[in-house]
Amino acid sequence: MLSIDTLKVHYSGIQALRGVSLEVTKGETVALIGPNGAGKSSLLNTISGLVKPNSGNVVFEDTAITGAAPWAVTKTGILQVPEGRRVFAEMTVLENLQVGQTALHGREPTYGLDDVFRVFPILQERREQMAGSLSGGQQQMLVIGRGLMGGPRLLLLDEPSLGLAPVIIAQVFSALSELKQQGLTILLVEQNAHLALTASDRAYVLEQGQIVKSGASADLREDPEVAALYLGQG
């Protein structure tokens, strides 16, 4: 579904990506793990068109989207939920979700309000509440729900557990598991490596802008080096 070949990105004097290659197959959840500053968010932002690559190729379903404008990328069905729970604070929950539909660009919606409310029931309860007054966990649910309203064929998730309490993290990842079972394809950036490797089918380890390991998530959980560096084992 998504194929990235030898992608290189540098900006602000930093070489963020050093020839990254990876693939995502339809229906998979693929995780990107690695330390802070490894280039994980830079990779998502490059796929989304927010950052222009210096070289390399990004192909989505046989269509080259390398360096395409963000609106053109969303038109293909690639939607990103960025790090930091960026809600429209002075709009209601319902209005935030409706804004998500602007990413459809005439495509048929795959998720409607009822679908989002079924995955995140709290959003239905708070539908008339200002988004800025929601808790951090509720805001994270809202930005994922807003992404779903755009009819994603591939959902890019950047650090969905960041700053959340464990009970809320469990709710968010339970929802992601349900979405995967429904057939949604997800590329997940997650600092919590144990969580990422549990929630995904395959994973890539990114360090200093390079892929240093990849494989089935279950295998990487048993890899001594990954366990020592990222899972607090060893």
C-alpha atoms as a PDB file:
ATOM      1  CA  MET A   1       0.000   0.000   0.000  1.00  0.00           C
ATOM      2  CA  LEU A   2       2.781   2.406   1.009  1.00  0.00           C
ATOM      3  CA  SER A   3       6.337   2.040  -0.229  1.00  0.00           C
ATOM      4  CA  ILE A   4       9.176   4.324   0.842  1.00  0.00           C
ATOM      5  CA  ASP A   5      12.536   4.001  -0.863  1.00  0.00           C
ATOM      6  CA  THR A   6      15.839   5.527   0.364  1.00  0.00           C
ATOM      7  CA  LEU A   7      14.200   8.690   1.696  1.00  0.00           C
ATOM      8  CA  LYS A   8      16.597  11.445   2.735  1.00  0.00           C
ATOM      9  CA  VAL A   9      15.529  14.599   4.532  1.00  0.00           C
ATOM     10  CA  HIS A  10      17.577  17.426   5.943  1.00  0.00           C
ATOM     11  CA  TYR A  11      16.447  20.747   7.283  1.00  0.00           C
ATOM     12  CA  SER A  12      17.746  23.357   9.741  1.00  0.00           C
ATOM     13  CA  GLY A  13      21.212  21.897   9.276  1.00  0.00           C
ATOM     14  CA  ILE A  14      20.113  18.467  10.537  1.00  0.00           C
ATOM     15  CA  GLN A  15      19.992  15.268   8.498  1.00  0.00           C
ATOM     16  CA  ALA A  16      16.719  13.891   9.824  1.00  0.00           C
ATOM     17  CA  LEU A  17      16.404  10.852   7.524  1.00  0.00           C
ATOM     18  CA  ARG A  18      19.354   8.999   6.005  1.00  0.00           C
ATOM     19  CA  GLY A  19      18.009   6.742   3.299  1.00  0.00           C
ATOM     20  CA  VAL A  20      14.951   5.259   5.017  1.00  0.00           C
ATOM     21  CA  SER A  21      13.073   2.466   3.232  1.00  0.00           C
ATOM     22  CA  LEU A  22       9.942   0.731   4.495  1.00  0.00           C
ATOM     23  CA  GLU A  23       6.646  -0.744   3.401  1.00  0.00           C
ATOM     24  CA  VAL A  24       3.121  -0.893   4.792  1.00  0.00           C
ATOM     25  CA  THR A  25       0.671  -3.501   3.499  1.00  0.00           C
ATOM     26  CA  LYS A  26      -3.082  -2.959   3.450  1.00  0.00           C
ATOM     27  CA  GLY A  27      -4.730  -3.927   6.740  1.00  0.00           C
ATOM     28  CA  GLU A  28      -1.506  -3.871   8.754  1.00  0.00           C
ATOM     29  CA  THR A  29      -0.566  -1.854  11.784  1.00  0.00           C
ATOM     30  CA  VAL A  30       3.119  -1.023  11.407  1.00  0.00           C
ATOM     31  CA  ALA A  31       5.021   0.645  14.244  1.00  0.00           C
ATOM     32  CA  LEU A  32       8.018   2.962  14.190  1.00  0.00           C
ATOM     33  CA  ILE A  33      10.008   2.926  17.414  1.00  0.00           C
ATOM     34  CA  GLY A  34      13.263   4.545  18.438  1.00  0.00           C
ATOM     35  CA  PRO A  35      14.705   7.241  20.700  1.00  0.00           C
ATOM     36  CA  ASN A  36      13.714  10.894  20.701  1.00  0.00           C
ATOM     37  CA  GLY A  37      15.222  12.683  17.727  1.00  0.00           C
ATOM     38  CA  ALA A  38      15.527   9.506  15.669  1.00  0.00           C
ATOM     39  CA  GLY A  39      13.464  10.966  12.805  1.00  0.00           C
ATOM     40  CA  LYS A  40      10.138   9.237  13.426  1.00  0.00           C
ATOM     41  CA  SER A  41       7.972  12.359  13.243  1.00  0.00           C
ATOM     42  CA  SER A  42      10.059  13.670  10.343  1.00  0.00           C
ATOM     43  CA  LEU A  43       9.178  10.519   8.417  1.00  0.00           C
ATOM     44  CA  LEU A  44       5.439  10.939   9.026  1.00  0.00           C
ATOM     45  CA  ASN A  45       5.633  14.629   8.127  1.00  0.00           C
ATOM     46  CA  THR A  46       7.442  13.776   4.895  1.00  0.00           C
ATOM     47  CA  ILE A  47       4.812  11.224   3.925  1.00  0.00           C
ATOM     48  CA  SER A  48       2.117  13.830   4.668  1.00  0.00           C
ATOM     49  CA  GLY A  49       3.797  16.476   2.535  1.00  0.00           C
ATOM     50  CA  LEU A  50       4.559  18.776   5.463  1.00  0.00           C
ATOM     51  CA  VAL A  51       8.296  18.256   4.910  1.00  0.00           C
ATOM     52  CA  LYS A  52       9.889  18.021   1.455  1.00  0.00           C
ATOM     53  CA  PRO A  53      12.453  15.243   0.992  1.00  0.00           C
ATOM     54  CA  ASN A  54      15.861  15.883  -0.516  1.00  0.00           C
ATOM     55  CA  SER A  55      15.819  12.536  -2.331  1.00  0.00           C
ATOM     56  CA  GLY A  56      14.074   9.189  -2.364  1.00  0.00           C
ATOM     57  CA  ASN A  57      10.560   8.109  -3.260  1.00  0.00           C
ATOM     58  CA  VAL A  58       7.184   7.782  -1.546  1.00  0.00           C
ATOM     59  CA  VAL A  59       4.619   5.689  -3.421  1.00  0.00           C
ATOM     60  CA  PHE A  60       1.047   5.099  -2.266  1.00  0.00           C
ATOM     61  CA  GLU A  61      -0.927   2.462  -4.142  1.00  0.00           C
ATOM     62  CA  ASP A  62       1.260   2.798  -7.256  1.00  0.00           C
ATOM     63  CA  THR A  63       1.014   6.588  -7.261  1.00  0.00           C
ATOM     64  CA  ALA A  64       4.145   8.625  -6.564  1.00  0.00           C
ATOM     65  CA  ILE A  65       3.424  11.260  -3.907  1.00  0.00           C
ATOM     66  CA  THR A  66       7.016  12.295  -3.202  1.00  0.00           C
ATOM     67  CA  GLY A  67       7.027  15.983  -2.280  1.00  0.00           C
ATOM     68  CA  ALA A  68       3.299  16.408  -2.982  1.00  0.00           C
ATOM     69  CA  ALA A  69       1.408  19.183  -1.203  1.00  0.00           C
ATOM     70  CA  PRO A  70      -0.374  18.148   2.019  1.00  0.00           C
ATOM     71  CA  TRP A  71      -3.822  18.650   0.480  1.00  0.00           C
ATOM     72  CA  ALA A  72      -2.875  16.370  -2.419  1.00  0.00           C
ATOM     73  CA  VAL A  73      -1.650  13.690  -0.005  1.00  0.00           C
ATOM     74  CA  THR A  74      -4.885  13.792   2.006  1.00  0.00           C
ATOM     75  CA  LYS A  75      -6.799  13.473  -1.251  1.00  0.00           C
ATOM     76  CA  THR A  76      -5.251  10.021  -1.723  1.00  0.00           C
ATOM     77  CA  GLY A  77      -6.603   8.922   1.660  1.00  0.00           C
ATOM     78  CA  ILE A  78      -3.457   9.352   3.775  1.00  0.00           C
ATOM     79  CA  LEU A  79      -4.390  11.253   6.925  1.00  0.00           C
ATOM     80  CA  GLN A  80      -2.114  12.179   9.801  1.00  0.00           C
ATOM     81  CA  VAL A  81      -3.039  12.591  13.471  1.00  0.00           C
ATOM     82  CA  PRO A  82      -0.149  14.753  14.692  1.00  0.00           C
ATOM     83  CA  GLU A  83       1.547  14.677  18.043  1.00  0.00           C
ATOM     84  CA  GLY A  84       0.227  17.080  20.653  1.00  0.00           C
ATOM     85  CA  ARG A  85      -3.585  16.764  20.493  1.00  0.00           C
ATOM     86  CA  ARG A  86      -4.151  19.766  18.224  1.00  0.00           C
ATOM     87  CA  VAL A  87      -7.861  20.396  18.631  1.00  0.00           C
ATOM     88  CA  PHE A  88      -9.720  23.525  17.600  1.00  0.00           C
ATOM     89  CA  ALA A  89     -10.125  24.636  21.204  1.00  0.00           C
ATOM     90  CA  GLU A  90     -12.933  27.180  20.680  1.00  0.00           C
ATOM     91  CA  MET A  91     -15.046  24.830  18.598  1.00  0.00           C
ATOM     92  CA  THR A  92     -17.266  22.082  19.950  1.00  0.00           C
ATOM     93  CA  VAL A  93     -16.438  18.402  19.759  1.00  0.00           C
ATOM     94  CA  LEU A  94     -19.031  18.002  17.016  1.00  0.00           C
ATOM     95  CA  GLU A  95     -17.625  20.930  15.024  1.00  0.00           C
ATOM     96  CA  ASN A  96     -14.102  19.491  15.296  1.00  0.00           C
ATOM     97  CA  LEU A  97     -15.343  16.186  13.907  1.00  0.00           C
ATOM     98  CA  GLN A  98     -17.194  17.906  11.080  1.00  0.00           C
ATOM     99  CA  VAL A  99     -14.025  19.779  10.131  1.00  0.00           C
ATOM    100  CA  GLY A 100     -12.408  16.384   9.586  1.00  0.00           C
ATOM    101  CA  GLN A 101     -14.761  15.756   6.669  1.00  0.00           C
ATOM    102  CA  THR A 102     -13.032  18.475   4.629  1.00  0.00           C
ATOM    103  CA  ALA A 103     -10.234  15.940   3.977  1.00  0.00           C
ATOM    104  CA  LEU A 104     -12.604  13.749   1.965  1.00  0.00           C
ATOM    105  CA  HIS A 105     -12.125  15.824  -1.217  1.00  0.00           C
ATOM    106  CA  GLY A 106     -15.187  14.149  -2.715  1.00  0.00           C
ATOM    107  CA  ARG A 107     -14.181  10.617  -1.669  1.00  0.00           C
ATOM    108  CA  GLU A 108     -16.787   8.388  -0.063  1.00  0.00           C
ATOM    109  CA  PRO A 109     -16.621   8.546   3.759  1.00  0.00           C
ATOM    110  CA  THR A 110     -15.566   5.344   5.476  1.00  0.00           C
ATOM    111  CA  TYR A 111     -16.404   6.555   8.990  1.00  0.00           C
ATOM    112  CA  GLY A 112     -19.357   8.703  10.003  1.00  0.00           C
ATOM    113  CA  LEU A 113     -20.322  10.322  13.288  1.00  0.00           C
ATOM    114  CA  ASP A 114     -22.048   7.171  14.496  1.00  0.00           C
ATOM    115  CA  ASP A 115     -18.890   5.154  13.823  1.00  0.00           C
ATOM    116  CA  VAL A 116     -16.700   7.616  15.715  1.00  0.00           C
ATOM    117  CA  PHE A 117     -19.134   7.737  18.630  1.00  0.00           C
ATOM    118  CA  ARG A 118     -19.207   3.942  18.765  1.00  0.00           C
ATOM    119  CA  VAL A 119     -15.407   3.794  18.980  1.00  0.00           C
ATOM    120  CA  PHE A 120     -15.182   6.728  21.410  1.00  0.00           C
ATOM    121  CA  PRO A 121     -18.493   6.944  23.334  1.00  0.00           C
ATOM    122  CA  ILE A 122     -17.263   9.839  25.480  1.00  0.00           C
ATOM    123  CA  LEU A 123     -17.222  12.063  22.399  1.00  0.00           C
ATOM    124  CA  GLN A 124     -20.947  11.579  21.948  1.00  0.00           C
ATOM    125  CA  GLU A 125     -21.511  12.558  25.569  1.00  0.00           C
ATOM    126  CA  ARG A 126     -19.369  15.677  25.090  1.00  0.00           C
ATOM    127  CA  ARG A 127     -20.422  16.529  21.546  1.00  0.00           C
ATOM    128  CA  GLU A 128     -21.585  20.072  22.452  1.00  0.00           C
ATOM    129  CA  GLN A 129     -18.641  20.785  24.774  1.00  0.00           C
ATOM    130  CA  MET A 130     -15.803  23.085  23.728  1.00  0.00           C
ATOM    131  CA  ALA A 131     -12.869  20.957  22.668  1.00  0.00           C
ATOM    132  CA  GLY A 132     -10.413  23.045  24.666  1.00  0.00           C
ATOM    133  CA  SER A 133     -12.156  22.082  27.903  1.00  0.00           C
ATOM    134  CA  LEU A 134     -11.768  18.334  27.357  1.00  0.00           C
ATOM    135  CA  SER A 135      -9.217  16.299  29.281  1.00  0.00           C
ATOM    136  CA  GLY A 136      -6.010  15.347  27.519  1.00  0.00           C
ATOM    137  CA  GLY A 137      -7.255  11.827  26.903  1.00  0.00           C
ATOM    138  CA  GLN A 138     -10.542  13.057  25.483  1.00  0.00           C
ATOM    139  CA  GLN A 139      -8.697  15.452  23.199  1.00  0.00           C
ATOM    140  CA  GLN A 140      -6.579  12.555  21.914  1.00  0.00           C
ATOM    141  CA  MET A 141      -9.739  10.602  21.169  1.00  0.00           C
ATOM    142  CA  LEU A 142     -11.135  13.649  19.410  1.00  0.00           C
ATOM    143  CA  VAL A 143      -8.168  14.141  17.081  1.00  0.00           C
ATOM    144  CA  ILE A 144      -8.244  10.455  16.145  1.00  0.00           C
ATOM    145  CA  GLY A 145     -11.981  10.718  15.574  1.00  0.00           C
ATOM    146  CA  ARG A 146     -11.464  13.836  13.455  1.00  0.00           C
ATOM    147  CA  GLY A 147      -8.949  11.881  11.375  1.00  0.00           C
ATOM    148  CA  LEU A 148     -11.452   9.066  10.885  1.00  0.00           C
ATOM    149  CA  MET A 149     -14.036  11.542   9.601  1.00  0.00           C
ATOM    150  CA  GLY A 150     -11.658  12.287   6.720  1.00  0.00           C
ATOM    151  CA  GLY A 151     -12.052   8.739   5.382  1.00  0.00           C
ATOM    152  CA  PRO A 152      -8.502   7.474   5.872  1.00  0.00           C
ATOM    153  CA  ARG A 153      -7.179   4.621   3.779  1.00  0.00           C
ATOM    154  CA  LEU A 154      -3.909   4.917   5.701  1.00  0.00           C
ATOM    155  CA  LEU A 155      -3.876   6.589   9.125  1.00  0.00           C
ATOM    156  CA  LEU A 156      -0.588   8.046  10.377  1.00  0.00           C
ATOM    157  CA  LEU A 157      -0.554   8.280  14.176  1.00  0.00           C
ATOM    158  CA  ASP A 158       2.161  10.280  15.934  1.00  0.00           C
ATOM    159  CA  GLU A 159       2.674   9.480  19.635  1.00  0.00           C
ATOM    160  CA  PRO A 160      -0.965   8.818  20.609  1.00  0.00           C
ATOM    161  CA  SER A 161      -0.044   7.801  24.187  1.00  0.00           C
ATOM    162  CA  LEU A 162       2.085  10.861  24.940  1.00  0.00           C
ATOM    163  CA  GLY A 163       1.207  12.424  28.298  1.00  0.00           C
ATOM    164  CA  LEU A 164      -1.813  10.219  28.959  1.00  0.00           C
ATOM    165  CA  ALA A 165      -2.669   8.254  32.092  1.00  0.00           C
ATOM    166  CA  PRO A 166      -2.362   4.458  31.762  1.00  0.00           C
ATOM    167  CA  VAL A 167      -6.120   3.892  31.933  1.00  0.00           C
ATOM    168  CA  ILE A 168      -6.678   6.353  29.049  1.00  0.00           C
ATOM    169  CA  ILE A 169      -3.834   4.828  27.041  1.00  0.00           C
ATOM    170  CA  ALA A 170      -5.557   1.452  27.383  1.00  0.00           C
ATOM    171  CA  GLN A 171      -8.825   2.937  26.078  1.00  0.00           C
ATOM    172  CA  VAL A 172      -7.125   4.614  23.106  1.00  0.00           C
ATOM    173  CA  PHE A 173      -5.223   1.483  22.090  1.00  0.00           C
ATOM    174  CA  SER A 174      -8.301  -0.666  22.539  1.00  0.00           C
ATOM    175  CA  ALA A 175     -10.016   1.623  20.039  1.00  0.00           C
ATOM    176  CA  LEU A 176      -7.057   1.326  17.652  1.00  0.00           C
ATOM    177  CA  SER A 177      -7.285  -2.459  17.904  1.00  0.00           C
ATOM    178  CA  GLU A 178     -10.969  -2.281  16.999  1.00  0.00           C
ATOM    179  CA  LEU A 179     -10.190  -0.057  14.003  1.00  0.00           C
ATOM    180  CA  LYS A 180      -7.530  -2.501  12.842  1.00  0.00           C
ATOM    181  CA  GLN A 181     -10.033  -5.358  13.071  1.00  0.00           C
ATOM    182  CA  GLN A 182     -12.318  -3.297  10.836  1.00  0.00           C
ATOM    183  CA  GLY A 183      -9.537  -3.206   8.221  1.00  0.00           C
ATOM    184  CA  LEU A 184      -7.956   0.192   8.791  1.00  0.00           C
ATOM    185  CA  THR A 185      -4.272   0.407   7.862  1.00  0.00           C
ATOM    186  CA  ILE A 186      -2.168   2.267  10.445  1.00  0.00           C
ATOM    187  CA  LEU A 187       1.419   3.538  10.566  1.00  0.00           C
ATOM    188  CA  LEU A 188       2.110   4.214  14.231  1.00  0.00           C
ATOM    189  CA  VAL A 189       4.890   6.282  15.787  1.00  0.00           C
ATOM    190  CA  GLU A 190       5.035   5.520  19.482  1.00  0.00           C
ATOM    191  CA  GLN A 191       7.671   6.277  22.135  1.00  0.00           C
ATOM    192  CA  ASN A 192       6.358   3.471  24.342  1.00  0.00           C
ATOM    193  CA  ALA A 193       8.054   0.580  22.544  1.00  0.00           C
ATOM    194  CA  HIS A 194       6.314  -2.152  24.527  1.00  0.00           C
ATOM    195  CA  LEU A 195       2.927  -0.669  23.660  1.00  0.00           C
ATOM    196  CA  ALA A 196       3.883  -0.197  20.011  1.00  0.00           C
ATOM    197  CA  LEU A 197       5.184  -3.747  19.595  1.00  0.00           C
ATOM    198  CA  THR A 198       2.099  -5.171  21.289  1.00  0.00           C
ATOM    199  CA  ALA A 199      -0.311  -3.185  19.109  1.00  0.00           C
ATOM    200  CA  SER A 200       1.383  -3.755  15.738  1.00  0.00           C
ATOM    201  CA  ASP A 201       1.965  -6.550  13.233  1.00  0.00           C
ATOM    202  CA  ARG A 202       5.408  -5.391  12.142  1.00  0.00           C
ATOM    203  CA  ALA A 203       7.823  -2.728  13.285  1.00  0.00           C
ATOM    204  CA  TYR A 204      10.861  -0.744  12.256  1.00  0.00           C
ATOM    205  CA  VAL A 205      13.495   0.570  14.662  1.00  0.00           C
ATOM    206  CA  LEU A 206      14.727   4.023  13.669  1.00  0.00           C
ATOM    207  CA  GLU A 207      17.960   5.452  15.079  1.00  0.00           C
ATOM    208  CA  GLN A 208      19.664   8.650  13.925  1.00  0.00           C
ATOM    209  CA  GLY A 209      17.570   8.748  10.787  1.00  0.00           C
ATOM    210  CA  GLN A 210      18.256   5.164   9.735  1.00  0.00           C
ATOM    211  CA  ILE A 211      16.358   1.879   9.967  1.00  0.00           C
ATOM    212  CA  VAL A 212      18.540  -0.393  12.112  1.00  0.00           C
ATOM    213  CA  LYS A 213      16.124  -3.288  12.662  1.00  0.00           C
ATOM    214  CA  SER A 214      12.804  -4.464  11.278  1.00  0.00           C
ATOM    215  CA  GLY A 215      10.580  -7.499  11.458  1.00  0.00           C
ATOM    216  CA  ALA A 216       7.505  -9.000  13.007  1.00  0.00           C
ATOM    217  CA  SER A 217       6.633  -7.150  16.204  1.00  0.00           C
ATOM    218  CA  ALA A 218       6.474 -10.407  18.156  1.00  0.00           C
ATOM    219  CA  ASP A 219      10.023 -11.210  17.060  1.00  0.00           C
ATOM    220  CA  LEU A 220      11.328  -7.775  17.952  1.00  0.00           C
ATOM    221  CA  ARG A 221       9.829  -8.087  21.431  1.00  0.00           C
ATOM    222  CA  GLU A 222      12.087 -11.128  21.897  1.00  0.00           C
ATOM    223  CA  ASP A 223      15.162  -9.495  20.350  1.00  0.00           C
ATOM    224  CA  PRO A 224      17.757  -9.040  23.155  1.00  0.00           C
ATOM    225  CA  GLU A 225      19.044  -5.726  21.795  1.00  0.00           C
ATOM    226  CA  VAL A 226      15.569  -4.249  21.365  1.00  0.00           C
ATOM    227  CA  ALA A 227      14.568  -5.525  24.796  1.00  0.00           C
ATOM    228  CA  ALA A 228      17.629  -3.969  26.439  1.00  0.00           C
ATOM    229  CA  LEU A 229      17.391  -0.616  24.669  1.00  0.00           C
ATOM    230  CA  TYR A 230      13.643  -0.055  24.450  1.00  0.00           C
ATOM    231  CA  LEU A 231      11.780  -2.468  26.700  1.00  0.00           C
ATOM    232  CA  GLY A 232      13.730  -1.986  29.913  1.00  0.00           C
ATOM    233  CA  GLN A 233      14.954  -5.566  29.930  1.00  0.00           C
ATOM    234  CA  GLY A 234      18.405  -7.091  30.055  1.00  0.00           C
END
